[in-house]
Amino acid sequence: MIRKIIVLLLLMNSFSLFVFSQNEKDALKKPVNPDALKISEQVSEAVKTYDAKKQKFQEDVLNMFDKKETISRSKGDANVLNQLKNEKDSFLKEAKDPTLFFITDQKRSLELAKLDLMKSYEKHIKLCLEKKLDFEADELIKELNILKKVDEKSKPNVKALPIKANDPLQPDSKWRDEKDSKTLMTIIERNGQSFNGKFGEREINGKIIGPRIFWLAKDSVAVGRSGVGHDNYGVLTKDKIGFKIDFKWGNPPKSGGFFTLRQDKE
């Protein structure tokens, strides 16, 4: 009798494991919710559209700076030229509007683009809630709240994070390409995680977060004929020789590559 009970329990346990195993396989085979996927794609497209408008806004304003600079140079007006340079610098670093000319139309276009993006978020949050996609709705709400926040650059008296004394990425530090000694990167100013400097014939504005340093093509200004270049991502390390930054530019191997900068001690 006891043997029969044991056999029966074993059979019941095996059946339970089989059912659990089948349910687990079914869960793994379950496709991604098509509604959630569609909503995610639509929001991504809206974000891309807004980013393109932001890029165009910056390009339009920089073109206006270039035209004004050309006029001031032709007139030999050094005072206006220097003021334009300072305002251009403030526009790139702190998103400050120029005072020597108006950008009302350009800003209005950007504000409308941001409003369209916010409406897209609100529309898709509502759609998520209607389809009981609560997790997706919460994530979109977080992104919308970030979008609504004021950009830190526009806030007055923002305290800069202190730069550690042992951090080699200090202002005025120079970094030279180990294979091409003519290529030099100089960090001119650093405000916490943000920095501006020169890389070859380009003025660059980027970020330093821990051992990572990077700048994007859209944040570069071509001084010579080299163009703005590509996006550059580097990691700071140290070997027997000293500090170095290993960079990746563009999208290797088809349209990009790698290079290393070493701290210039001269």
Protein backbone atom coordinates (compact mmCIF):
# COMPACT_ATOMS: atom_id res chain seq x y z
CA MET A 1 0.00 0.00 0.00
CA ILE A 2 2.77 2.40 0.95
CA ARG A 3 4.60 1.54 -2.29
CA LYS A 4 1.50 2.42 -4.33
CA ILE A 5 1.18 5.78 -2.55
CA ILE A 6 4.86 6.59 -3.23
CA VAL A 7 4.46 5.68 -6.90
CA LEU A 8 1.33 7.82 -7.13
CA LEU A 9 3.13 10.81 -5.55
CA LEU A 10 6.05 10.42 -7.93
CA LEU A 11 3.69 10.36 -10.90
CA MET A 12 1.90 13.49 -9.65
CA ASN A 13 5.24 15.25 -9.14
CA SER A 14 6.39 14.28 -12.64
CA PHE A 15 3.14 15.57 -14.12
CA SER A 16 3.53 18.88 -12.24
CA LEU A 17 7.10 19.27 -13.51
CA PHE A 18 5.92 18.51 -17.05
CA VAL A 19 3.16 21.12 -16.84
CA PHE A 20 5.60 23.69 -15.37
CA SER A 21 8.13 22.91 -18.09
CA GLN A 22 5.52 23.35 -20.80
CA ASN A 23 4.30 26.64 -19.32
CA GLU A 24 7.91 27.87 -19.12
CA LYS A 25 8.50 26.99 -22.78
CA ASP A 26 5.25 28.69 -23.77
CA ALA A 27 6.34 31.81 -21.89
CA LEU A 28 9.67 31.82 -23.70
CA LYS A 29 7.94 31.40 -27.05
CA LYS A 30 5.45 34.16 -26.31
CA PRO A 31 6.08 37.00 -28.79
CA VAL A 32 6.63 40.61 -27.80
CA ASN A 33 3.37 42.47 -27.42
CA PRO A 34 2.81 43.95 -30.90
CA ASP A 35 1.03 46.99 -29.44
CA ALA A 36 3.98 47.74 -27.15
CA LEU A 37 6.43 47.30 -30.02
CA LYS A 38 4.45 49.59 -32.31
CA ILE A 39 4.16 52.29 -29.65
CA SER A 40 7.89 52.10 -28.94
CA GLU A 41 8.71 52.51 -32.65
CA GLN A 42 6.36 55.48 -33.02
CA VAL A 43 7.83 57.28 -29.99
CA SER A 44 11.37 56.60 -31.28
CA GLU A 45 10.47 58.19 -34.62
CA ALA A 46 9.06 61.24 -32.82
CA VAL A 47 12.29 61.58 -30.83
CA LYS A 48 14.38 61.30 -34.02
CA THR A 49 12.31 64.05 -35.63
CA TYR A 50 12.86 66.34 -32.65
CA ASP A 51 16.61 65.61 -32.55
CA ALA A 52 16.82 66.51 -36.26
CA LYS A 53 15.05 69.82 -35.54
CA LYS A 54 17.51 70.54 -32.70
CA GLN A 55 20.41 69.84 -35.02
CA LYS A 56 18.97 72.17 -37.67
CA PHE A 57 18.38 74.89 -35.06
CA GLN A 58 22.03 74.81 -34.01
CA GLU A 59 23.25 74.74 -37.60
CA ASP A 60 21.04 77.70 -38.56
CA VAL A 61 22.26 79.80 -35.64
CA LEU A 62 25.90 78.91 -36.30
CA ASN A 63 25.42 79.92 -39.95
CA MET A 64 24.09 83.27 -38.75
CA PHE A 65 27.18 83.68 -36.56
CA ASP A 66 29.40 82.90 -39.55
CA LYS A 67 27.67 85.50 -41.73
CA LYS A 68 27.95 88.17 -39.03
CA GLU A 69 31.61 87.31 -38.48
CA THR A 70 32.32 87.60 -42.22
CA ILE A 71 30.71 91.06 -42.29
CA SER A 72 32.63 92.26 -39.22
CA ARG A 73 35.92 91.01 -40.71
CA SER A 74 35.25 92.79 -44.01
CA LYS A 75 34.58 95.99 -42.07
CA GLY A 76 37.65 95.52 -39.89
CA ASP A 77 35.47 95.73 -36.76
CA ALA A 78 37.53 93.82 -34.16
CA ASN A 79 35.23 94.74 -31.24
CA VAL A 80 32.13 93.24 -32.85
CA LEU A 81 34.16 90.24 -34.04
CA ASN A 82 35.38 89.48 -30.51
CA GLN A 83 31.87 89.90 -29.13
CA LEU A 84 30.54 87.49 -31.76
CA LYS A 85 33.19 84.94 -30.81
CA ASN A 86 32.27 85.20 -27.12
CA GLU A 87 28.56 84.92 -27.82
CA LYS A 88 29.12 81.97 -30.14
CA ASP A 89 31.09 80.27 -27.38
CA SER A 90 28.28 80.92 -24.87
CA PHE A 91 25.70 79.62 -27.34
CA LEU A 92 27.58 76.34 -27.80
CA LYS A 93 28.45 75.79 -24.14
CA GLU A 94 25.52 77.29 -22.25
CA ALA A 95 22.77 77.54 -24.91
CA LYS A 96 22.68 81.33 -24.40
CA ASP A 97 20.90 83.39 -27.05
CA PRO A 98 23.05 85.92 -28.95
CA THR A 99 22.43 89.60 -28.35
CA LEU A 100 23.88 90.92 -31.62
CA PHE A 101 21.09 89.38 -33.72
CA PHE A 102 17.69 87.80 -33.22
CA ILE A 103 16.96 84.07 -33.43
CA THR A 104 13.23 84.37 -32.65
CA ASP A 105 12.05 82.43 -35.71
CA GLN A 106 14.59 79.64 -35.18
CA LYS A 107 13.67 79.27 -31.50
CA ARG A 108 9.97 79.29 -32.29
CA SER A 109 10.46 76.42 -34.71
CA LEU A 110 12.38 74.45 -32.07
CA GLU A 111 9.75 75.14 -29.40
CA LEU A 112 7.01 73.89 -31.72
CA ALA A 113 9.04 70.74 -32.41
CA LYS A 114 9.41 70.14 -28.67
CA LEU A 115 5.69 70.70 -28.18
CA ASP A 116 4.96 68.11 -30.91
CA LEU A 117 7.24 65.63 -29.16
CA MET A 118 5.53 66.20 -25.80
CA LYS A 119 2.14 65.68 -27.45
CA SER A 120 3.40 62.45 -28.96
CA TYR A 121 4.46 61.23 -25.52
CA GLU A 122 1.09 62.17 -24.00
CA LYS A 123 -0.77 60.45 -26.84
CA HIS A 124 1.19 57.21 -26.47
CA ILE A 125 1.00 57.23 -22.67
CA LYS A 126 -2.78 57.35 -22.98
CA LEU A 127 -2.67 54.57 -25.57
CA CYS A 128 -0.55 52.41 -23.26
CA LEU A 129 -3.01 52.86 -20.41
CA GLU A 130 -5.95 51.98 -22.66
CA LYS A 131 -4.21 48.76 -23.72
CA LYS A 132 -3.17 47.94 -20.14
CA LEU A 133 0.53 48.41 -20.90
CA ASP A 134 1.19 49.95 -17.48
CA PHE A 135 4.94 49.30 -17.41
CA GLU A 136 5.41 50.91 -20.84
CA ALA A 137 3.26 53.86 -19.74
CA ASP A 138 5.43 54.39 -16.63
CA GLU A 139 8.61 54.40 -18.73
CA LEU A 140 7.15 56.96 -21.17
CA ILE A 141 6.05 59.14 -18.25
CA LYS A 142 9.63 59.15 -16.92
CA GLU A 143 10.98 60.22 -20.34
CA LEU A 144 8.32 62.93 -20.65
CA ASN A 145 9.21 64.33 -17.22
CA ILE A 146 12.88 64.51 -18.22
CA LEU A 147 11.89 66.35 -21.41
CA LYS A 148 9.86 68.86 -19.41
CA LYS A 149 12.76 69.68 -17.09
CA VAL A 150 14.74 72.84 -17.73
CA ASP A 151 18.10 72.17 -19.37
CA GLU A 152 20.85 72.48 -16.76
CA LYS A 153 22.81 74.70 -19.16
CA SER A 154 20.19 77.41 -18.95
CA LYS A 155 20.13 77.52 -15.16
CA PRO A 156 22.15 80.37 -13.64
CA ASN A 157 24.87 79.72 -11.06
CA VAL A 158 25.12 76.00 -11.68
CA LYS A 159 27.88 74.60 -9.47
CA ALA A 160 30.54 72.70 -11.36
CA LEU A 161 31.60 69.31 -10.06
CA PRO A 162 35.14 69.50 -8.64
CA ILE A 163 37.93 68.04 -10.77
CA LYS A 164 40.07 65.58 -8.82
CA ALA A 165 43.71 66.54 -8.45
CA ASN A 166 44.88 63.18 -9.81
CA ASP A 167 42.65 63.48 -12.87
CA PRO A 168 44.96 63.93 -15.88
CA LEU A 169 42.18 65.47 -17.99
CA GLN A 170 42.81 68.91 -16.53
CA PRO A 171 42.38 72.26 -18.30
CA ASP A 172 45.41 73.06 -20.48
CA SER A 173 46.39 69.37 -20.65
CA LYS A 174 47.59 68.21 -24.07
CA TRP A 175 47.21 64.78 -25.68
CA ARG A 176 49.16 63.75 -28.78
CA ASP A 177 48.46 60.95 -31.28
CA GLU A 178 51.05 58.22 -30.67
CA LYS A 179 51.31 57.47 -34.42
CA ASP A 180 50.92 61.00 -35.78
CA SER A 181 52.68 63.55 -33.57
CA LYS A 182 51.11 66.44 -35.51
CA THR A 183 47.62 65.54 -34.24
CA LEU A 184 47.04 67.16 -30.87
CA MET A 185 44.05 67.40 -28.53
CA THR A 186 44.03 70.23 -26.00
CA ILE A 187 41.51 70.58 -23.18
CA ILE A 188 41.05 74.33 -22.90
CA GLU A 189 38.29 74.59 -20.29
CA ARG A 190 36.52 72.06 -18.12
CA ASN A 191 33.34 72.55 -16.12
CA GLY A 192 32.76 69.32 -14.22
CA GLN A 193 31.73 66.75 -16.81
CA SER A 194 31.65 69.24 -19.69
CA PHE A 195 34.73 70.45 -21.53
CA ASN A 196 35.74 72.36 -24.62
CA GLY A 197 39.01 72.24 -26.45
CA LYS A 198 40.74 71.70 -29.76
CA PHE A 199 41.41 68.54 -31.71
CA GLY A 200 43.57 69.19 -34.73
CA GLU A 201 41.83 72.03 -36.58
CA ARG A 202 38.50 71.52 -34.83
CA GLU A 203 36.94 73.18 -31.81
CA ILE A 204 35.24 70.47 -29.77
CA ASN A 205 32.68 70.42 -26.96
CA GLY A 206 32.27 67.14 -25.15
CA LYS A 207 31.84 65.21 -21.92
CA ILE A 208 34.17 63.57 -19.42
CA ILE A 209 32.37 60.99 -17.29
CA GLY A 210 34.73 58.92 -15.16
CA PRO A 211 37.34 57.39 -17.47
CA ARG A 212 35.21 58.06 -20.57
CA ILE A 213 35.70 61.12 -22.78
CA PHE A 214 33.68 61.77 -25.90
CA TRP A 215 32.42 64.43 -28.29
CA LEU A 216 29.99 64.28 -31.20
CA ALA A 217 30.39 65.62 -34.72
CA LYS A 218 27.42 67.95 -34.15
CA ASP A 219 29.28 69.52 -31.21
CA SER A 220 32.39 70.27 -33.27
CA VAL A 221 33.24 73.40 -35.23
CA ALA A 222 35.68 73.20 -38.15
CA VAL A 223 38.35 75.89 -37.90
CA GLY A 224 40.30 74.86 -40.99
CA ARG A 225 39.34 72.76 -43.99
CA SER A 226 39.13 69.47 -42.13
CA GLY A 227 35.36 69.52 -41.52
CA VAL A 228 33.66 68.65 -38.23
CA GLY A 229 34.74 65.01 -38.38
CA HIS A 230 32.88 62.14 -36.72
CA ASP A 231 31.65 61.13 -33.28
CA ASN A 232 34.61 60.19 -31.05
CA TYR A 233 34.50 57.94 -27.96
CA GLY A 234 37.55 57.40 -25.76
CA VAL A 235 38.53 55.55 -22.58
CA LEU A 236 41.30 56.81 -20.30
CA THR A 237 43.76 54.17 -19.06
CA LYS A 238 47.35 54.02 -17.77
CA ASP A 239 50.20 51.73 -18.78
CA LYS A 240 53.97 51.59 -18.16
CA ILE A 241 54.54 54.66 -20.33
CA GLY A 242 51.81 56.80 -18.74
CA PHE A 243 48.26 57.96 -19.32
CA LYS A 244 46.61 57.27 -22.68
CA ILE A 245 43.17 57.54 -24.27
CA ASP A 246 42.04 54.84 -26.67
CA PHE A 247 39.54 56.29 -29.13
CA LYS A 248 37.02 54.92 -31.58
CA TRP A 249 35.76 57.31 -34.29
CA GLY A 250 32.80 56.87 -36.62
CA ASN A 251 31.58 53.34 -37.25
CA PRO A 252 34.55 51.06 -37.89
CA PRO A 253 35.55 49.20 -39.92
CA LYS A 254 33.55 50.61 -42.89
CA SER A 255 33.43 54.30 -42.00
CA GLY A 256 35.61 54.76 -38.95
CA GLY A 257 38.64 53.56 -37.06
CA PHE A 258 40.72 53.69 -33.89
CA PHE A 259 43.53 55.85 -32.54
CA THR A 260 45.36 56.46 -29.27
CA LEU A 261 46.31 59.76 -27.68
CA ARG A 262 49.03 59.97 -25.05
CA GLN A 263 49.54 62.68 -22.47
CA ASP A 264 51.97 65.27 -23.80
CA LYS A 265 54.36 66.18 -20.99
CA GLU A 266 56.17 68.93 -22.88
